[in-house]
Structure formats: C-alpha cells, structure tokens
Amino acid sequence: MATFLGRTCRLHQQLCGARRFIQRHSLRCVSTSDKKESISFTPADISDDAKRAELHKRLEEHFKDDDLNAPKNRVEYGYEENCEEVDKFHYHSVWWCWFVIPVVLGVGIFNFALNDYGLRSWSVREARLAIEERERKGLPHIDKNYIDPSKIVLPTEEELAEMDVEIKW
C-alpha cells in the first residue's frame, strides 16, 4: 500500500510541475499554411476577457480559409514537398510495404503454422495407421504385454506392506 501511495504522490508532483511549467511559459499556435506568421499568447491573455476576444478574432482571421483542397492547406505526408501525387504515392507505397504486406503474410504464416497446433491431427493419423497395421497383422489394437514383463521391476510384498496405499473410487 505504501508503494502505491508513494507512486501516486510522485505522479501528483510530476503533474503539478508540468502544470506550473505550462502556466509560466507562453504558448504558441503554429499554422501549417503558407502564411509565415504564428499567433503567440500567454495564460494571462486567456484569463483577460478583452484580450481573449481579440485573440479569438485573430485566430478566426488566421484560419478563415478552410478549403481543404486548396494547395496552401495541403497536409504533406513528408516524402515529397513539391509534388502532391509523388508524396501520396510514396506514402501509400511505404504503408503497403511496411504494414499491409507484413500483416497479411504474418497472419497467413501464423495461421498455416498453427493449423495443426500441438500436432493433434498428426497424432490421430499416426494412431489410425498403427491400428490399421496391427489389424493387417491380426494383432489386437493394444497388447496386454505392451511392455515386456521381465523388464518391469515391482516392489516386494514387504515393501508394499510398509507403504500406505489407498485406492479411491
């Protein structure tokens, strides 16, 4: 219990430290559009109503163009910044090669390998083959002397008398 409380107290201290860090430092919204401006503000700007309204107006003006098909609002995949088609092709090629193919092949191979999990069907086939072979030779399925009785070492009567043997039905 003490370990749990200690971890909880440490987590609380870390969260309080992160909160204080955020409160003390200014925050910055960065736009991904071609406009080379950013809007910075501090927590004090958010708490003041007049500054908050002015900040809200600036943000709305900054993000007023919401056409997703416009070239300036295009979000790049990070492979080719000049050509959208090449960028998209490389993104999908990498996605296909690093995710789709390994997952499909991995699941297929895993399923194929686990098709006979624990060699269950193999053991059934081997048992049937052994039974057919013994039937062809005219032998019973299981011989009462499966193990040679001369090789079995049994305890003597005195040793059995010393042991407490219980047979439960």
N, C-alpha and C. Protein backbone atom coordinates (compact mmCIF):
# COMPACT_ATOMS: atom_id res chain seq x y z
N MET A 1 0.83 -1.19 0.00
CA MET A 1 0.00 0.00 0.00
C MET A 1 0.87 1.25 0.00
N ALA A 2 1.98 1.18 0.75
CA ALA A 2 2.86 2.35 0.83
C ALA A 2 3.48 2.64 -0.53
N THR A 3 3.81 1.58 -1.28
CA THR A 3 4.38 1.78 -2.61
C THR A 3 3.37 2.47 -3.52
N PHE A 4 2.11 2.05 -3.45
CA PHE A 4 1.07 2.67 -4.27
C PHE A 4 0.92 4.15 -3.92
N LEU A 5 0.90 4.47 -2.62
CA LEU A 5 0.75 5.87 -2.22
C LEU A 5 1.97 6.69 -2.63
N GLY A 6 3.15 6.10 -2.52
CA GLY A 6 4.36 6.80 -2.93
C GLY A 6 4.36 7.11 -4.42
N ARG A 7 3.93 6.12 -5.23
CA ARG A 7 3.86 6.34 -6.67
C ARG A 7 2.81 7.40 -6.99
N THR A 8 1.68 7.35 -6.29
CA THR A 8 0.62 8.31 -6.53
C THR A 8 1.08 9.72 -6.19
N CYS A 9 1.79 9.88 -5.06
CA CYS A 9 2.30 11.20 -4.67
C CYS A 9 3.32 11.71 -5.70
N ARG A 10 4.21 10.81 -6.18
CA ARG A 10 5.19 11.23 -7.18
C ARG A 10 4.51 11.65 -8.48
N LEU A 11 3.48 10.90 -8.88
CA LEU A 11 2.74 11.26 -10.09
C LEU A 11 2.07 12.61 -9.92
N HIS A 12 1.48 12.85 -8.75
CA HIS A 12 0.84 14.13 -8.48
C HIS A 12 1.85 15.28 -8.55
N GLN A 13 3.04 15.06 -7.99
CA GLN A 13 4.08 16.09 -8.04
C GLN A 13 4.52 16.37 -9.47
N GLN A 14 4.65 15.31 -10.28
CA GLN A 14 5.04 15.50 -11.67
C GLN A 14 3.97 16.27 -12.43
N LEU A 15 2.69 15.95 -12.19
CA LEU A 15 1.62 16.66 -12.88
C LEU A 15 1.57 18.12 -12.46
N CYS A 16 1.77 18.38 -11.17
CA CYS A 16 1.78 19.77 -10.70
C CYS A 16 2.94 20.53 -11.32
N GLY A 17 4.09 19.89 -11.43
CA GLY A 17 5.25 20.54 -12.04
C GLY A 17 4.99 20.85 -13.51
N ALA A 18 4.36 19.92 -14.23
CA ALA A 18 4.04 20.17 -15.64
C ALA A 18 3.04 21.30 -15.76
N ARG A 19 2.06 21.34 -14.88
CA ARG A 19 1.06 22.42 -14.92
C ARG A 19 1.72 23.78 -14.66
N ARG A 20 2.63 23.82 -13.69
CA ARG A 20 3.32 25.08 -13.40
C ARG A 20 4.18 25.51 -14.60
N PHE A 21 4.82 24.55 -15.24
CA PHE A 21 5.65 24.87 -16.41
C PHE A 21 4.80 25.50 -17.51
N ILE A 22 3.63 24.90 -17.76
CA ILE A 22 2.75 25.42 -18.81
C ILE A 22 2.23 26.81 -18.44
N GLN A 23 1.91 27.01 -17.17
CA GLN A 23 1.37 28.30 -16.75
C GLN A 23 2.44 29.40 -16.85
N ARG A 24 3.69 29.09 -16.61
CA ARG A 24 4.73 30.11 -16.59
C ARG A 24 5.23 30.48 -17.98
N HIS A 25 5.12 29.58 -18.93
CA HIS A 25 5.67 29.84 -20.25
C HIS A 25 4.56 30.16 -21.24
N SER A 26 4.88 30.96 -22.23
CA SER A 26 3.87 31.32 -23.21
C SER A 26 3.64 30.17 -24.18
N LEU A 27 2.44 30.09 -24.70
CA LEU A 27 2.08 29.05 -25.66
C LEU A 27 2.07 29.66 -27.04
N ARG A 28 2.25 28.84 -28.06
CA ARG A 28 2.32 29.35 -29.42
C ARG A 28 1.54 28.42 -30.33
N CYS A 29 0.60 29.00 -31.12
CA CYS A 29 -0.11 28.24 -32.15
C CYS A 29 0.63 28.44 -33.45
N VAL A 30 1.00 27.36 -34.10
CA VAL A 30 1.73 27.45 -35.34
C VAL A 30 0.83 26.93 -36.45
N SER A 31 0.67 27.71 -37.48
CA SER A 31 -0.14 27.32 -38.63
C SER A 31 0.71 26.52 -39.60
N THR A 32 0.10 25.55 -40.27
CA THR A 32 0.82 24.76 -41.27
C THR A 32 0.60 25.31 -42.67
N SER A 33 -0.11 26.43 -42.79
CA SER A 33 -0.34 27.00 -44.11
C SER A 33 0.89 27.77 -44.57
N ASP A 34 0.81 28.34 -45.79
CA ASP A 34 1.92 29.09 -46.36
C ASP A 34 2.13 30.44 -45.68
N LYS A 35 1.18 30.87 -44.89
CA LYS A 35 1.33 32.14 -44.18
C LYS A 35 2.47 31.99 -43.18
N LYS A 36 3.41 32.89 -43.21
CA LYS A 36 4.59 32.79 -42.35
C LYS A 36 4.40 33.57 -41.06
N GLU A 37 3.29 33.36 -40.43
CA GLU A 37 3.05 34.05 -39.16
C GLU A 37 2.53 33.04 -38.15
N SER A 38 2.73 33.32 -36.92
CA SER A 38 2.20 32.50 -35.86
C SER A 38 1.60 33.42 -34.81
N ILE A 39 0.68 32.88 -34.04
CA ILE A 39 0.00 33.68 -33.03
C ILE A 39 0.44 33.15 -31.68
N SER A 40 1.09 34.00 -30.89
CA SER A 40 1.54 33.58 -29.57
C SER A 40 0.67 34.26 -28.52
N PHE A 41 0.49 33.57 -27.41
CA PHE A 41 -0.29 34.12 -26.31
C PHE A 41 0.17 33.48 -25.02
N THR A 42 -0.17 34.11 -23.92
CA THR A 42 0.19 33.61 -22.59
C THR A 42 -1.09 33.28 -21.84
N PRO A 43 -0.99 32.53 -20.74
CA PRO A 43 -2.18 32.24 -19.95
C PRO A 43 -2.87 33.51 -19.44
N ALA A 44 -2.12 34.57 -19.25
CA ALA A 44 -2.74 35.83 -18.82
C ALA A 44 -3.64 36.39 -19.92
N ASP A 45 -3.28 36.18 -21.19
CA ASP A 45 -4.12 36.63 -22.29
C ASP A 45 -5.45 35.89 -22.32
N ILE A 46 -5.44 34.65 -21.92
CA ILE A 46 -6.68 33.86 -21.92
C ILE A 46 -7.58 34.27 -20.77
N SER A 47 -7.01 34.63 -19.65
CA SER A 47 -7.82 34.98 -18.49
C SER A 47 -8.49 36.35 -18.64
N ASP A 48 -7.89 37.26 -19.41
CA ASP A 48 -8.48 38.59 -19.61
C ASP A 48 -9.50 38.53 -20.75
N ASP A 49 -10.76 39.01 -20.49
CA ASP A 49 -11.83 38.90 -21.48
C ASP A 49 -11.55 39.69 -22.74
N ALA A 50 -11.04 40.91 -22.62
CA ALA A 50 -10.77 41.73 -23.80
C ALA A 50 -9.67 41.11 -24.65
N LYS A 51 -8.60 40.65 -24.00
CA LYS A 51 -7.50 40.01 -24.74
C LYS A 51 -7.96 38.70 -25.37
N ARG A 52 -8.85 37.97 -24.66
CA ARG A 52 -9.34 36.71 -25.20
C ARG A 52 -10.18 36.96 -26.46
N ALA A 53 -11.03 37.99 -26.45
CA ALA A 53 -11.85 38.32 -27.62
C ALA A 53 -10.97 38.73 -28.79
N GLU A 54 -9.93 39.54 -28.50
CA GLU A 54 -9.02 39.96 -29.55
C GLU A 54 -8.24 38.76 -30.11
N LEU A 55 -7.82 37.84 -29.24
CA LEU A 55 -7.11 36.64 -29.66
C LEU A 55 -8.02 35.76 -30.51
N HIS A 56 -9.28 35.65 -30.10
CA HIS A 56 -10.24 34.84 -30.84
C HIS A 56 -10.44 35.42 -32.25
N LYS A 57 -10.53 36.74 -32.35
CA LYS A 57 -10.70 37.40 -33.64
C LYS A 57 -9.47 37.15 -34.53
N ARG A 58 -8.27 37.24 -33.96
CA ARG A 58 -7.05 36.99 -34.72
C ARG A 58 -6.97 35.54 -35.21
N LEU A 59 -7.37 34.61 -34.35
CA LEU A 59 -7.34 33.20 -34.74
C LEU A 59 -8.35 32.90 -35.83
N GLU A 60 -9.54 33.46 -35.73
CA GLU A 60 -10.54 33.25 -36.79
C GLU A 60 -10.07 33.83 -38.12
N GLU A 61 -9.45 34.99 -38.09
CA GLU A 61 -8.95 35.59 -39.32
C GLU A 61 -7.81 34.76 -39.90
N HIS A 62 -6.98 34.21 -39.03
CA HIS A 62 -5.84 33.41 -39.47
C HIS A 62 -6.29 32.11 -40.13
N PHE A 63 -7.34 31.49 -39.60
CA PHE A 63 -7.80 30.18 -40.09
C PHE A 63 -9.10 30.28 -40.88
N LYS A 64 -9.40 31.43 -41.50
CA LYS A 64 -10.69 31.58 -42.17
C LYS A 64 -10.78 30.78 -43.46
N ASP A 65 -9.67 30.52 -44.13
CA ASP A 65 -9.70 29.75 -45.36
C ASP A 65 -9.70 28.27 -45.00
N ASP A 66 -10.89 27.63 -45.05
CA ASP A 66 -10.99 26.24 -44.63
C ASP A 66 -11.20 25.29 -45.81
N ASP A 67 -10.84 25.69 -47.01
CA ASP A 67 -10.93 24.82 -48.18
C ASP A 67 -9.79 23.80 -48.10
N LEU A 68 -10.15 22.54 -47.86
CA LEU A 68 -9.13 21.51 -47.69
C LEU A 68 -8.42 21.14 -48.99
N ASN A 69 -9.05 21.45 -50.14
CA ASN A 69 -8.44 21.10 -51.42
C ASN A 69 -7.50 22.18 -51.92
N ALA A 70 -7.44 23.30 -51.24
CA ALA A 70 -6.53 24.37 -51.67
C ALA A 70 -5.09 23.92 -51.45
N PRO A 71 -4.20 24.25 -52.40
CA PRO A 71 -2.79 23.81 -52.26
C PRO A 71 -2.12 24.34 -51.00
N LYS A 72 -2.50 25.51 -50.53
CA LYS A 72 -1.83 26.05 -49.35
C LYS A 72 -2.28 25.34 -48.07
N ASN A 73 -3.42 24.66 -48.10
CA ASN A 73 -3.91 23.94 -46.92
C ASN A 73 -3.58 22.45 -46.98
N ARG A 74 -2.81 22.05 -47.97
CA ARG A 74 -2.47 20.63 -48.11
C ARG A 74 -1.55 20.20 -46.98
N VAL A 75 -1.86 19.07 -46.39
CA VAL A 75 -1.00 18.50 -45.36
C VAL A 75 -0.13 17.46 -46.04
N GLU A 76 1.15 17.67 -46.00
CA GLU A 76 2.08 16.78 -46.68
C GLU A 76 2.32 15.53 -45.85
N TYR A 77 2.64 14.44 -46.55
CA TYR A 77 2.99 13.19 -45.88
C TYR A 77 4.46 13.17 -45.48
N GLY A 78 5.25 14.06 -46.04
CA GLY A 78 6.64 14.19 -45.64
C GLY A 78 7.64 13.50 -46.54
N TYR A 79 7.21 13.02 -47.71
CA TYR A 79 8.13 12.35 -48.61
C TYR A 79 8.59 13.28 -49.74
N GLU A 80 7.66 14.05 -50.30
CA GLU A 80 7.98 14.96 -51.39
C GLU A 80 7.16 16.23 -51.18
N GLU A 81 7.82 17.34 -50.93
CA GLU A 81 7.08 18.55 -50.60
C GLU A 81 6.61 19.32 -51.82
N ASN A 82 7.16 19.06 -52.99
CA ASN A 82 6.80 19.84 -54.17
C ASN A 82 5.67 19.22 -54.99
N CYS A 83 5.58 17.90 -55.02
CA CYS A 83 4.60 17.23 -55.87
C CYS A 83 3.65 16.41 -55.01
N GLU A 84 2.37 16.76 -55.07
CA GLU A 84 1.39 16.10 -54.21
C GLU A 84 1.20 14.63 -54.60
N GLU A 85 1.19 14.33 -55.91
CA GLU A 85 0.96 12.95 -56.36
C GLU A 85 2.11 12.04 -55.93
N VAL A 86 3.34 12.52 -56.09
CA VAL A 86 4.51 11.72 -55.71
C VAL A 86 4.52 11.50 -54.20
N ASP A 87 4.18 12.54 -53.45
CA ASP A 87 4.14 12.45 -52.00
C ASP A 87 3.12 11.39 -51.57
N LYS A 88 1.94 11.45 -52.17
CA LYS A 88 0.88 10.48 -51.84
C LYS A 88 1.28 9.07 -52.24
N PHE A 89 1.92 8.92 -53.43
CA PHE A 89 2.35 7.61 -53.90
C PHE A 89 3.37 7.00 -52.94
N HIS A 90 4.36 7.80 -52.54
CA HIS A 90 5.39 7.29 -51.62
C HIS A 90 4.78 6.93 -50.27
N TYR A 91 3.84 7.73 -49.80
CA TYR A 91 3.19 7.43 -48.52
C TYR A 91 2.47 6.08 -48.60
N HIS A 92 1.69 5.89 -49.66
CA HIS A 92 0.94 4.63 -49.78
C HIS A 92 1.86 3.45 -50.06
N SER A 93 2.94 3.68 -50.77
CA SER A 93 3.90 2.60 -51.01
C SER A 93 4.55 2.15 -49.71
N VAL A 94 4.97 3.10 -48.90
CA VAL A 94 5.58 2.76 -47.62
C VAL A 94 4.57 2.07 -46.72
N TRP A 95 3.35 2.57 -46.69
CA TRP A 95 2.30 1.95 -45.88
C TRP A 95 2.07 0.51 -46.32
N TRP A 96 2.03 0.29 -47.63
CA TRP A 96 1.80 -1.05 -48.16
C TRP A 96 2.97 -1.97 -47.81
N CYS A 97 4.20 -1.50 -48.01
CA CYS A 97 5.36 -2.36 -47.80
C CYS A 97 5.65 -2.65 -46.34
N TRP A 98 5.40 -1.68 -45.46
CA TRP A 98 5.77 -1.86 -44.06
C TRP A 98 4.63 -2.31 -43.17
N PHE A 99 3.38 -2.23 -43.66
CA PHE A 99 2.28 -2.63 -42.79
C PHE A 99 1.41 -3.71 -43.43
N VAL A 100 0.88 -3.46 -44.59
CA VAL A 100 -0.10 -4.38 -45.17
C VAL A 100 0.54 -5.73 -45.50
N ILE A 101 1.65 -5.71 -46.22
CA ILE A 101 2.28 -6.98 -46.61
C ILE A 101 2.73 -7.77 -45.38
N PRO A 102 3.45 -7.19 -44.42
CA PRO A 102 3.83 -7.99 -43.24
C PRO A 102 2.65 -8.52 -42.44
N VAL A 103 1.60 -7.73 -42.32
CA VAL A 103 0.45 -8.21 -41.54
C VAL A 103 -0.25 -9.35 -42.26
N VAL A 104 -0.50 -9.19 -43.56
CA VAL A 104 -1.19 -10.24 -44.30
C VAL A 104 -0.33 -11.51 -44.34
N LEU A 105 0.95 -11.37 -44.66
CA LEU A 105 1.82 -12.54 -44.68
C LEU A 105 1.99 -13.14 -43.29
N GLY A 106 2.14 -12.27 -42.30
CA GLY A 106 2.31 -12.76 -40.93
C GLY A 106 1.11 -13.54 -40.45
N VAL A 107 -0.08 -13.02 -40.71
CA VAL A 107 -1.30 -13.73 -40.30
C VAL A 107 -1.42 -15.03 -41.07
N GLY A 108 -1.12 -14.99 -42.36
CA GLY A 108 -1.21 -16.21 -43.16
C GLY A 108 -0.24 -17.28 -42.69
N ILE A 109 1.00 -16.90 -42.46
CA ILE A 109 2.00 -17.87 -41.99
C ILE A 109 1.66 -18.37 -40.59
N PHE A 110 1.23 -17.46 -39.73
CA PHE A 110 0.85 -17.84 -38.38
C PHE A 110 -0.30 -18.83 -38.40
N ASN A 111 -1.31 -18.56 -39.24
CA ASN A 111 -2.46 -19.45 -39.35
C ASN A 111 -2.03 -20.80 -39.93
N PHE A 112 -1.16 -20.77 -40.93
CA PHE A 112 -0.68 -22.02 -41.52
C PHE A 112 0.12 -22.83 -40.50
N ALA A 113 0.95 -22.15 -39.72
CA ALA A 113 1.77 -22.88 -38.74
C ALA A 113 0.92 -23.44 -37.61
N LEU A 114 -0.15 -22.73 -37.24
CA LEU A 114 -0.99 -23.19 -36.14
C LEU A 114 -2.14 -24.07 -36.62
N ASN A 115 -2.15 -24.42 -37.89
CA ASN A 115 -3.22 -25.25 -38.41
C ASN A 115 -3.26 -26.59 -37.69
N ASP A 116 -2.10 -27.13 -37.35
CA ASP A 116 -2.02 -28.38 -36.62
C ASP A 116 -1.36 -28.12 -35.27
N TYR A 117 -1.99 -27.26 -34.49
CA TYR A 117 -1.41 -26.86 -33.21
C TYR A 117 -1.30 -28.07 -32.28
N GLY A 118 -0.15 -28.28 -31.74
CA GLY A 118 0.08 -29.40 -30.83
C GLY A 118 0.16 -30.73 -31.55
N LEU A 119 0.25 -30.71 -32.87
CA LEU A 119 0.33 -31.93 -33.69
C LEU A 119 -0.83 -32.88 -33.40
N ARG A 120 -2.02 -32.31 -33.19
CA ARG A 120 -3.19 -33.14 -32.88
C ARG A 120 -3.59 -34.01 -34.06
N SER A 121 -3.72 -33.42 -35.23
CA SER A 121 -4.15 -34.22 -36.38
C SER A 121 -3.04 -35.22 -36.77
N TRP A 122 -1.79 -34.85 -36.57
CA TRP A 122 -0.70 -35.78 -36.85
C TRP A 122 -0.80 -37.01 -35.94
N SER A 123 -1.06 -36.79 -34.67
CA SER A 123 -1.14 -37.92 -33.74
C SER A 123 -2.33 -38.82 -34.05
N VAL A 124 -3.45 -38.22 -34.48
CA VAL A 124 -4.62 -39.04 -34.86
C VAL A 124 -4.29 -39.87 -36.10
N ARG A 125 -3.63 -39.26 -37.09
CA ARG A 125 -3.24 -40.02 -38.29
C ARG A 125 -2.30 -41.17 -37.94
N GLU A 126 -1.32 -40.90 -37.09
CA GLU A 126 -0.38 -41.95 -36.70
C GLU A 126 -1.09 -43.08 -35.95
N ALA A 127 -2.03 -42.73 -35.09
CA ALA A 127 -2.77 -43.77 -34.35
C ALA A 127 -3.59 -44.62 -35.31
N ARG A 128 -4.24 -43.99 -36.27
CA ARG A 128 -5.02 -44.76 -37.25
C ARG A 128 -4.13 -45.67 -38.09
N LEU A 129 -2.96 -45.17 -38.49
CA LEU A 129 -2.03 -46.01 -39.26
C LEU A 129 -1.55 -47.19 -38.43
N ALA A 130 -1.27 -46.95 -37.15
CA ALA A 130 -0.81 -48.05 -36.27
C ALA A 130 -1.92 -49.08 -36.09
N ILE A 131 -3.18 -48.63 -35.94
CA ILE A 131 -4.30 -49.56 -35.78
C ILE A 131 -4.49 -50.39 -37.04
N GLU A 132 -4.44 -49.74 -38.22
CA GLU A 132 -4.58 -50.48 -39.48
C GLU A 132 -3.47 -51.50 -39.64
N GLU A 133 -2.25 -51.14 -39.29
CA GLU A 133 -1.12 -52.07 -39.41
C GLU A 133 -1.30 -53.27 -38.48
N ARG A 134 -1.74 -53.01 -37.23
CA ARG A 134 -1.94 -54.11 -36.29
C ARG A 134 -3.11 -55.00 -36.73
N GLU A 135 -4.15 -54.40 -37.35
CA GLU A 135 -5.28 -55.21 -37.84
C GLU A 135 -4.84 -56.09 -39.00
N ARG A 136 -3.98 -55.56 -39.89
CA ARG A 136 -3.48 -56.36 -41.01
C ARG A 136 -2.66 -57.55 -40.52
N LYS A 137 -1.92 -57.36 -39.43
CA LYS A 137 -1.10 -58.45 -38.88
C LYS A 137 -1.92 -59.38 -37.99
N GLY A 138 -3.17 -59.02 -37.70
CA GLY A 138 -4.03 -59.87 -36.87
C GLY A 138 -3.78 -59.69 -35.38
N LEU A 139 -3.16 -58.61 -34.98
CA LEU A 139 -2.87 -58.35 -33.57
C LEU A 139 -3.97 -57.47 -32.97
N PRO A 140 -4.16 -57.53 -31.66
CA PRO A 140 -5.13 -56.61 -31.04
C PRO A 140 -4.61 -55.17 -31.10
N HIS A 141 -5.52 -54.22 -30.93
CA HIS A 141 -5.12 -52.80 -31.00
C HIS A 141 -4.04 -52.48 -29.97
N ILE A 142 -4.27 -52.93 -28.73
CA ILE A 142 -3.28 -52.74 -27.66
C ILE A 142 -3.00 -54.10 -27.05
N ASP A 143 -1.75 -54.48 -27.03
CA ASP A 143 -1.35 -55.77 -26.47
C ASP A 143 -1.30 -55.67 -24.96
N LYS A 144 -1.77 -56.74 -24.24
CA LYS A 144 -1.71 -56.69 -22.78
C LYS A 144 -0.27 -56.71 -22.29
N ASN A 145 0.64 -57.26 -23.06
CA ASN A 145 2.06 -57.22 -22.73
C ASN A 145 2.76 -56.18 -23.61
N TYR A 146 2.28 -54.96 -23.56
CA TYR A 146 2.86 -53.88 -24.36
C TYR A 146 4.32 -53.67 -23.99
N ILE A 147 4.60 -53.79 -22.68
CA ILE A 147 5.98 -53.75 -22.18
C ILE A 147 6.31 -55.16 -21.72
N ASP A 148 7.51 -55.60 -22.03
CA ASP A 148 7.95 -56.94 -21.67
C ASP A 148 7.92 -57.08 -20.15
N PRO A 149 7.13 -58.07 -19.62
CA PRO A 149 7.01 -58.21 -18.16
C PRO A 149 8.33 -58.50 -17.45
N SER A 150 9.31 -59.08 -18.14
CA SER A 150 10.60 -59.36 -17.49
C SER A 150 11.39 -58.08 -17.21
N LYS A 151 11.04 -56.97 -17.90
CA LYS A 151 11.75 -55.71 -17.70
C LYS A 151 11.13 -54.85 -16.60
N ILE A 152 9.94 -55.24 -16.11
CA ILE A 152 9.25 -54.45 -15.09
C ILE A 152 9.71 -54.90 -13.71
N VAL A 153 10.14 -53.95 -12.89
CA VAL A 153 10.57 -54.26 -11.52
C VAL A 153 9.46 -53.79 -10.59
N LEU A 154 8.84 -54.77 -9.90
CA LEU A 154 7.75 -54.46 -8.97
C LEU A 154 8.27 -54.53 -7.54
N PRO A 155 7.67 -53.78 -6.63
CA PRO A 155 8.10 -53.87 -5.23
C PRO A 155 7.70 -55.21 -4.61
N THR A 156 8.44 -55.63 -3.59
CA THR A 156 8.15 -56.90 -2.92
C THR A 156 6.96 -56.73 -2.00
N GLU A 157 6.49 -57.85 -1.44
CA GLU A 157 5.34 -57.81 -0.53
C GLU A 157 5.68 -57.03 0.74
N GLU A 158 6.92 -57.17 1.26
CA GLU A 158 7.31 -56.43 2.46
C GLU A 158 7.31 -54.92 2.20
N GLU A 159 7.81 -54.49 1.05
CA GLU A 159 7.82 -53.07 0.72
C GLU A 159 6.40 -52.53 0.56
N LEU A 160 5.53 -53.35 0.00
CA LEU A 160 4.14 -52.91 -0.15
C LEU A 160 3.44 -52.83 1.20
N ALA A 161 3.80 -53.72 2.12
CA ALA A 161 3.18 -53.71 3.45
C ALA A 161 3.57 -52.44 4.21
N GLU A 162 4.77 -51.95 3.98
CA GLU A 162 5.23 -50.73 4.66
C GLU A 162 4.57 -49.47 4.10
N MET A 163 4.15 -49.53 2.84
CA MET A 163 3.54 -48.35 2.22
C MET A 163 2.06 -48.27 2.56
N ASP A 164 1.57 -47.04 2.67
CA ASP A 164 0.16 -46.81 2.91
C ASP A 164 -0.49 -46.53 1.55
N VAL A 165 -1.15 -47.53 0.98
CA VAL A 165 -1.74 -47.41 -0.34
C VAL A 165 -3.23 -47.29 -0.18
N GLU A 166 -3.79 -46.22 -0.74
CA GLU A 166 -5.24 -46.04 -0.71
C GLU A 166 -5.75 -46.01 -2.13
N ILE A 167 -6.78 -46.79 -2.37
CA ILE A 167 -7.40 -46.80 -3.68
C ILE A 167 -8.78 -46.16 -3.52
N LYS A 168 -8.97 -45.04 -4.20
CA LYS A 168 -10.25 -44.31 -4.07
C LYS A 168 -11.05 -44.51 -5.34
N TRP A 169 -12.31 -44.79 -5.15
CA TRP A 169 -13.20 -44.98 -6.32
C TRP A 169 -14.01 -43.75 -6.54
